[in-house]
Protein backbone atom coordinates (compact mmCIF):
# COMPACT_ATOMS: atom_id res chain seq x y z
CA MET A 1 0.00 0.00 0.00
CA SER A 2 1.29 3.47 -0.90
CA ARG A 3 2.24 6.03 1.73
CA ILE A 4 -0.74 7.89 3.13
CA LYS A 5 -1.32 11.03 5.18
CA ILE A 6 -3.20 10.86 8.46
CA TYR A 7 -4.62 14.10 9.81
CA GLY A 8 -5.22 13.53 13.49
CA SER A 9 -4.78 14.68 17.06
CA ALA A 10 -2.80 12.94 19.79
CA ILE A 11 -5.57 13.70 22.31
CA SER A 12 -8.26 11.98 20.23
CA GLY A 13 -9.02 8.30 20.64
CA ASN A 14 -10.72 8.29 17.23
CA CYS A 15 -7.48 9.45 15.66
CA LEU A 16 -5.19 7.19 17.66
CA LYS A 17 -7.10 4.06 16.68
CA VAL A 18 -6.39 4.85 13.01
CA LYS A 19 -2.72 5.39 13.84
CA TRP A 20 -2.50 2.13 15.79
CA THR A 21 -4.14 0.22 12.95
CA ALA A 22 -1.66 1.62 10.44
CA ASP A 23 1.26 0.87 12.77
CA LEU A 24 0.11 -2.70 13.39
CA LEU A 25 -0.36 -3.32 9.67
CA GLY A 26 2.99 -1.78 8.74
CA ILE A 27 1.39 0.90 6.57
CA ALA A 28 3.64 3.88 5.88
CA TYR A 29 2.13 7.26 6.71
CA ASP A 30 2.84 10.87 7.51
CA TRP A 31 1.11 12.01 10.69
CA ILE A 32 -0.19 15.57 10.46
CA GLU A 33 -1.03 16.80 13.95
CA THR A 34 -4.26 18.78 13.75
CA ASP A 35 -5.32 20.76 16.81
CA ILE A 36 -9.10 20.88 17.15
CA LEU A 37 -8.82 23.15 20.18
CA LYS A 38 -7.15 25.79 17.98
CA GLY A 39 -9.74 25.45 15.24
CA GLU A 40 -7.42 23.75 12.77
CA THR A 41 -10.26 21.58 11.47
CA ARG A 42 -12.27 24.70 10.57
CA THR A 43 -9.79 26.32 8.21
CA ASP A 44 -10.58 26.66 4.52
CA GLU A 45 -7.66 24.37 3.71
CA PHE A 46 -8.90 21.58 5.96
CA LEU A 47 -12.55 21.96 4.98
CA ALA A 48 -11.52 21.55 1.36
CA LEU A 49 -10.35 18.05 2.34
CA SER A 50 -13.14 17.27 4.79
CA PRO A 51 -16.33 19.35 4.53
CA ALA A 52 -17.48 17.85 7.83
CA GLY A 53 -14.50 19.45 9.56
CA GLN A 54 -13.70 16.34 11.59
CA ILE A 55 -10.64 14.26 12.26
CA PRO A 56 -9.27 11.76 11.58
CA ILE A 57 -9.06 11.82 7.84
CA VAL A 58 -6.73 9.90 5.58
CA VAL A 59 -5.48 11.24 2.27
CA LEU A 60 -4.41 8.51 -0.13
CA GLU A 61 -1.49 8.93 -2.49
CA ASP A 62 -3.87 9.64 -5.37
CA GLY A 63 -5.54 12.45 -3.40
CA ARG A 64 -8.73 10.65 -2.43
CA VAL A 65 -9.89 11.36 1.12
CA LEU A 66 -11.37 8.93 3.64
CA GLU A 67 -13.31 10.12 6.69
CA GLN A 68 -14.72 8.44 9.82
CA SER A 69 -12.33 6.45 11.99
CA CYS A 70 -13.96 3.02 11.78
CA ALA A 71 -14.38 3.24 8.01
CA ILE A 72 -10.69 4.17 7.71
CA MET A 73 -9.63 1.25 9.90
CA LEU A 74 -11.71 -1.16 7.84
CA TYR A 75 -10.25 0.15 4.59
CA LEU A 76 -6.66 -0.11 5.81
CA ALA A 77 -7.13 -3.66 7.06
CA GLU A 78 -8.80 -4.79 3.85
CA GLN A 79 -6.06 -3.27 1.71
CA VAL A 80 -3.38 -5.45 3.25
CA GLY A 81 -5.49 -8.58 3.81
CA SER A 82 -5.24 -8.53 7.59
CA ASP A 83 -6.63 -11.11 9.99
CA LEU A 84 -7.99 -8.17 11.99
CA ILE A 85 -11.06 -8.90 9.84
CA SER A 86 -12.64 -12.34 9.89
CA SER A 87 -13.01 -14.14 6.57
CA ASP A 88 -16.30 -15.63 7.77
CA PRO A 89 -19.22 -13.42 6.63
CA PHE A 90 -21.16 -13.87 9.86
CA GLU A 91 -18.18 -13.07 12.08
CA LYS A 92 -17.32 -10.11 9.86
CA ALA A 93 -20.86 -8.79 10.26
CA LYS A 94 -20.59 -9.16 14.05
CA MET A 95 -17.31 -7.26 13.93
CA ILE A 96 -18.90 -4.42 11.97
CA GLY A 97 -21.73 -4.43 14.49
CA TRP A 98 -19.24 -3.73 17.28
CA LEU A 99 -17.79 -0.86 15.26
CA PHE A 100 -21.25 0.69 14.90
CA TRP A 101 -21.89 0.16 18.60
CA GLU A 102 -18.59 1.79 19.52
CA GLN A 103 -19.47 4.99 17.66
CA ASN A 104 -23.19 5.14 18.46
CA PHE A 105 -23.18 4.18 22.15
CA HIS A 106 -19.69 3.89 23.64
CA GLU A 107 -17.89 6.85 22.07
CA SER A 108 -20.94 9.11 22.20
CA SER A 109 -20.98 8.95 26.00
CA ILE A 110 -17.48 8.10 27.25
CA ALA A 111 -15.55 10.26 24.80
CA VAL A 112 -18.00 13.15 25.05
CA ARG A 113 -17.92 13.23 28.85
CA ARG A 114 -14.12 13.01 28.86
CA PHE A 115 -13.86 15.96 26.48
CA ARG A 116 -16.26 18.08 28.50
CA LYS A 117 -14.43 17.41 31.77
CA ARG A 118 -10.82 17.54 30.59
CA PHE A 119 -10.82 19.98 27.72
CA ALA A 120 -13.96 22.07 28.15
CA GLY A 121 -13.33 22.34 31.89
CA LEU A 122 -16.92 21.68 32.90
CA SER A 123 -17.83 20.51 36.38
CA ASP A 124 -19.86 17.36 36.91
CA GLY A 125 -22.90 19.49 37.66
CA ASP A 126 -22.63 21.19 34.28
CA ILE A 127 -22.44 17.94 32.30
CA ASP A 128 -25.51 16.02 31.14
CA PRO A 129 -25.87 13.31 33.84
CA THR A 130 -27.11 10.78 31.30
CA LEU A 131 -23.60 10.62 29.82
CA LEU A 132 -22.30 9.00 33.00
CA THR A 133 -25.20 6.55 33.10
CA ARG A 134 -24.86 5.61 29.44
CA GLY A 135 -21.09 5.31 29.64
CA ASN A 136 -21.26 3.01 32.65
CA ALA A 137 -23.88 0.91 30.85
CA SER A 138 -21.44 0.53 27.94
CA LEU A 139 -18.63 -0.47 30.28
CA GLN A 140 -20.89 -2.99 32.00
CA LEU A 141 -21.84 -4.54 28.65
CA MET A 142 -18.14 -4.85 27.83
CA GLU A 143 -17.43 -6.31 31.27
CA ALA A 144 -20.07 -9.01 30.71
CA HIS A 145 -18.76 -9.85 27.23
CA LEU A 146 -15.22 -10.14 28.52
CA GLU A 147 -16.34 -12.59 31.20
CA LYS A 148 -16.44 -15.22 28.45
CA HIS A 149 -14.23 -13.76 25.72
CA SER A 150 -10.69 -12.40 25.56
CA PHE A 151 -11.42 -9.99 22.71
CA PHE A 152 -14.26 -8.39 20.79
CA GLY A 153 -12.88 -9.43 17.42
CA GLY A 154 -13.29 -13.15 18.04
CA ASP A 155 -10.62 -15.25 19.74
CA GLN A 156 -7.85 -12.82 18.80
CA LEU A 157 -7.27 -9.11 18.39
CA GLY A 158 -9.62 -7.56 15.84
CA LEU A 159 -10.67 -4.14 14.64
CA PRO A 160 -13.36 -3.79 17.36
CA ASP A 161 -10.69 -4.13 20.04
CA ILE A 162 -8.62 -1.32 18.56
CA ALA A 163 -11.72 0.83 18.17
CA LEU A 164 -13.02 0.21 21.69
CA VAL A 165 -9.76 0.43 23.59
CA ALA A 166 -9.04 3.96 22.40
CA TYR A 167 -11.54 5.77 24.60
CA THR A 168 -11.99 3.00 27.17
CA ARG A 169 -8.41 3.45 28.40
CA MET A 170 -9.12 7.20 28.71
CA ALA A 171 -12.42 6.76 30.53
CA GLY A 172 -11.03 7.74 33.92
CA GLU A 173 -10.64 11.28 32.64
CA GLY A 174 -14.38 11.34 32.10
CA GLY A 175 -15.16 10.33 35.66
CA TYR A 176 -15.66 6.62 35.00
CA ILE A 177 -14.10 4.24 37.52
CA LEU A 178 -12.35 1.53 35.55
CA ASP A 179 -11.46 -0.38 38.71
CA ASP A 180 -15.16 -1.29 38.85
CA TYR A 181 -14.68 -3.28 35.65
CA PRO A 182 -11.79 -5.74 36.20
CA ASN A 183 -12.41 -7.73 33.02
CA VAL A 184 -12.24 -4.50 31.04
CA GLY A 185 -9.01 -3.56 32.80
CA ARG A 186 -7.35 -6.86 31.91
CA TRP A 187 -8.59 -6.57 28.33
CA ILE A 188 -7.11 -3.07 28.04
CA SER A 189 -3.73 -4.48 29.02
CA ARG A 190 -4.06 -7.34 26.51
CA VAL A 191 -4.87 -4.95 23.68
CA GLU A 192 -2.11 -2.52 24.63
CA ASN A 193 0.36 -5.39 24.64
CA ALA A 194 -0.89 -6.64 21.27
CA LEU A 195 -0.56 -3.16 19.80
CA GLY A 196 2.82 -2.58 21.39
CA ILE A 197 1.75 0.62 23.13
CA PRO A 198 2.38 1.62 26.76
CA PRO A 199 -0.41 2.22 29.27
CA TYR A 200 -2.41 5.38 28.80
CA GLY A 201 -0.57 8.55 29.75
CA GLU A 202 2.82 7.24 28.68
CA GLU A 203 2.32 7.30 24.91
CA ASN A 204 3.60 9.88 22.46
CA VAL A 205 2.69 10.07 18.77
């Protein structure tokens, strides 16, 4: 696969999961740090690449642009024929289901609450209380799944694990107590080891 450009932010789990996927697959890329807090996704130059004004995006060598983190991960894995994606149609569909769930339920509560506490500087009383409830429900669902399974991508690391670990390992910054979910904690360590990344807080892009 040709060298690509990844526009992303080191503080964003959505961006890091694309980076980790590329690293794991041995895909060559240029990382272009893009600061959302400084409005760098709202410039004319960036909006010409991504009208939605969101990161991550990937620019292929031929100039085509891919948006949305899970779609990018899926594309990268398919390009190199990775076992991060099951060859069985049913298992592949289940994997894609986890990716949808991650964005629609998990990320939309855990990542949002983390951003509002850490970067927007809001107090707990100023944050929608349903975010904490929904985020804990997501963590509990993961905890139950991991009671019987080592990963979300089947019996080995898969794309859902990379997608889910990104914001799960950051959840403490959103006020979630990961010690309440021991299976999740052990899974985080397994995925970090598989990706070759240090525990959260010790990683640099």
